Amino acid sequence: MASHIHLAYRRTALAAAKNRQIRKVDNEDDLARAREDFGFFCEYVADKPPARHHKEWHKYLVTEEDSQCLVKIGGPNIDLLAPRDQPKVRS
């Protein structure tokens, strides 16, 4: 179950999002493709292709179905924050 503080942050973010103005884009086709294609989205938003492990995670996390590990979070609005590179091990 989500914590109360998490729910408060989510409510605040949703309320703020309602007040935002959406600007027009130059190429509506690119915008539509970014909504459907994870790799293109990464390049469209961050100017970088997704890392190999991000593509693998995306395949398993964005299923829109609950699983044993992902209860009520496996939908299309999941946020996954992770580094692009593997951590460096100090010897």
C-alpha atoms as a PDB file:
ATOM      1  CA  MET A   1       0.000   0.000   0.000  1.00  0.00           C
ATOM      2  CA  ALA A   2       1.301   3.469  -0.846  1.00  0.00           C
ATOM      3  CA  SER A   3       2.267   5.734   2.018  1.00  0.00           C
ATOM      4  CA  HIS A   4       0.159   8.768   2.854  1.00  0.00           C
ATOM      5  CA  ILE A   5       2.995  11.134   1.960  1.00  0.00           C
ATOM      6  CA  HIS A   6       3.286   9.504  -1.458  1.00  0.00           C
ATOM      7  CA  LEU A   7      -0.435   9.976  -2.043  1.00  0.00           C
ATOM      8  CA  ALA A   8      -0.182  13.638  -1.008  1.00  0.00           C
ATOM      9  CA  TYR A   9       2.665  14.217  -3.479  1.00  0.00           C
ATOM     10  CA  ARG A  10       0.677  12.471  -6.194  1.00  0.00           C
ATOM     11  CA  ARG A  11      -2.432  14.595  -5.550  1.00  0.00           C
ATOM     12  CA  THR A  12      -0.315  17.767  -5.628  1.00  0.00           C
ATOM     13  CA  ALA A  13       1.347  16.731  -8.887  1.00  0.00           C
ATOM     14  CA  LEU A  14      -1.991  15.882 -10.515  1.00  0.00           C
ATOM     15  CA  ALA A  15      -3.465  19.230  -9.442  1.00  0.00           C
ATOM     16  CA  ALA A  16      -0.431  21.090 -10.817  1.00  0.00           C
ATOM     17  CA  ALA A  17      -0.653  19.168 -14.088  1.00  0.00           C
ATOM     18  CA  LYS A  18      -4.222  20.361 -14.632  1.00  0.00           C
ATOM     19  CA  ASN A  19      -2.995  23.967 -14.638  1.00  0.00           C
ATOM     20  CA  ARG A  20      -0.232  23.414 -17.199  1.00  0.00           C
ATOM     21  CA  GLN A  21      -0.511  24.690 -20.725  1.00  0.00           C
ATOM     22  CA  ILE A  22       0.366  22.196 -23.419  1.00  0.00           C
ATOM     23  CA  ARG A  23       2.396  23.776 -26.150  1.00  0.00           C
ATOM     24  CA  LYS A  24       2.022  22.833 -29.765  1.00  0.00           C
ATOM     25  CA  VAL A  25       4.738  20.722 -31.313  1.00  0.00           C
ATOM     26  CA  ASP A  26       6.190  21.132 -34.758  1.00  0.00           C
ATOM     27  CA  ASN A  27       5.654  17.536 -35.777  1.00  0.00           C
ATOM     28  CA  GLU A  28       2.506  15.818 -34.485  1.00  0.00           C
ATOM     29  CA  ASP A  29       3.614  12.523 -36.050  1.00  0.00           C
ATOM     30  CA  ASP A  30       6.756  12.455 -33.883  1.00  0.00           C
ATOM     31  CA  LEU A  31       4.676  13.174 -30.799  1.00  0.00           C
ATOM     32  CA  ALA A  32       2.281  10.340 -31.589  1.00  0.00           C
ATOM     33  CA  ARG A  33       5.182   7.965 -32.231  1.00  0.00           C
ATOM     34  CA  ALA A  34       6.840   8.948 -28.932  1.00  0.00           C
ATOM     35  CA  ARG A  35       3.645   7.963 -27.112  1.00  0.00           C
ATOM     36  CA  GLU A  36       3.782   4.456 -28.561  1.00  0.00           C
ATOM     37  CA  ASP A  37       7.489   3.678 -29.036  1.00  0.00           C
ATOM     38  CA  PHE A  38       9.664   3.647 -25.888  1.00  0.00           C
ATOM     39  CA  GLY A  39      12.959   3.869 -27.769  1.00  0.00           C
ATOM     40  CA  PHE A  40      11.770   6.789 -29.878  1.00  0.00           C
ATOM     41  CA  PHE A  41      10.416   8.501 -26.739  1.00  0.00           C
ATOM     42  CA  CYS A  42      13.856   8.345 -25.101  1.00  0.00           C
ATOM     43  CA  GLU A  43      15.475   9.899 -28.160  1.00  0.00           C
ATOM     44  CA  TYR A  44      12.678  12.470 -28.580  1.00  0.00           C
ATOM     45  CA  VAL A  45      12.788  13.640 -24.950  1.00  0.00           C
ATOM     46  CA  ALA A  46      16.407  13.106 -23.889  1.00  0.00           C
ATOM     47  CA  ASP A  47      18.237  13.001 -27.233  1.00  0.00           C
ATOM     48  CA  LYS A  48      19.657   9.602 -26.230  1.00  0.00           C
ATOM     49  CA  PRO A  49      18.652   6.078 -27.148  1.00  0.00           C
ATOM     50  CA  PRO A  50      17.476   3.943 -24.221  1.00  0.00           C
ATOM     51  CA  ALA A  51      20.044   1.765 -22.518  1.00  0.00           C
ATOM     52  CA  ARG A  52      19.763  -1.967 -23.206  1.00  0.00           C
ATOM     53  CA  HIS A  53      18.656  -2.728 -19.637  1.00  0.00           C
ATOM     54  CA  HIS A  54      15.978   0.008 -19.772  1.00  0.00           C
ATOM     55  CA  LYS A  55      14.439  -1.640 -22.828  1.00  0.00           C
ATOM     56  CA  GLU A  56      14.430  -4.959 -20.981  1.00  0.00           C
ATOM     57  CA  TRP A  57      12.830  -3.430 -17.880  1.00  0.00           C
ATOM     58  CA  HIS A  58      10.235  -1.650 -19.996  1.00  0.00           C
ATOM     59  CA  LYS A  59       9.154  -4.930 -21.542  1.00  0.00           C
ATOM     60  CA  TYR A  60       8.389  -6.419 -18.115  1.00  0.00           C
ATOM     61  CA  LEU A  61       7.165  -3.366 -16.219  1.00  0.00           C
ATOM     62  CA  VAL A  62       4.777  -1.629 -18.608  1.00  0.00           C
ATOM     63  CA  THR A  63       2.327  -4.466 -19.037  1.00  0.00           C
ATOM     64  CA  GLU A  64      -0.862  -2.777 -17.748  1.00  0.00           C
ATOM     65  CA  GLU A  65      -1.397  -5.927 -15.690  1.00  0.00           C
ATOM     66  CA  ASP A  66      -0.809  -6.674 -12.024  1.00  0.00           C
ATOM     67  CA  SER A  67       1.721  -9.306 -11.138  1.00  0.00           C
ATOM     68  CA  GLN A  68       3.051 -10.772  -7.924  1.00  0.00           C
ATOM     69  CA  CYS A  69       5.636  -7.977  -7.695  1.00  0.00           C
ATOM     70  CA  LEU A  70       3.784  -5.132  -9.423  1.00  0.00           C
ATOM     71  CA  VAL A  71       0.409  -4.631  -7.799  1.00  0.00           C
ATOM     72  CA  LYS A  72      -1.406  -1.583  -9.196  1.00  0.00           C
ATOM     73  CA  ILE A  73       1.785  -0.094 -10.665  1.00  0.00           C
ATOM     74  CA  GLY A  74       2.350  -2.027 -13.890  1.00  0.00           C
ATOM     75  CA  GLY A  75       0.245   0.332 -15.987  1.00  0.00           C
ATOM     76  CA  PRO A  76       1.132   2.857 -18.650  1.00  0.00           C
ATOM     77  CA  ASN A  77       1.972   5.646 -16.173  1.00  0.00           C
ATOM     78  CA  ILE A  78       4.774   3.879 -14.339  1.00  0.00           C
ATOM     79  CA  ASP A  79       7.855   6.011 -13.692  1.00  0.00           C
ATOM     80  CA  LEU A  80      11.182   4.243 -13.628  1.00  0.00           C
ATOM     81  CA  LEU A  81      14.237   6.209 -12.609  1.00  0.00           C
ATOM     82  CA  ALA A  82      17.508   4.399 -13.092  1.00  0.00           C
ATOM     83  CA  PRO A  83      21.065   5.219 -14.125  1.00  0.00           C
ATOM     84  CA  ARG A  84      22.046   4.629 -17.727  1.00  0.00           C
ATOM     85  CA  ASP A  85      25.310   2.892 -16.882  1.00  0.00           C
ATOM     86  CA  GLN A  86      26.228   0.033 -14.635  1.00  0.00           C
ATOM     87  CA  PRO A  87      27.748   1.215 -11.334  1.00  0.00           C
ATOM     88  CA  LYS A  88      31.520   1.171 -11.197  1.00  0.00           C
ATOM     89  CA  VAL A  89      32.958  -1.187  -8.614  1.00  0.00           C
ATOM     90  CA  ARG A  90      35.853   0.156  -6.619  1.00  0.00           C
ATOM     91  CA  SER A  91      38.588  -2.287  -5.739  1.00  0.00           C
END
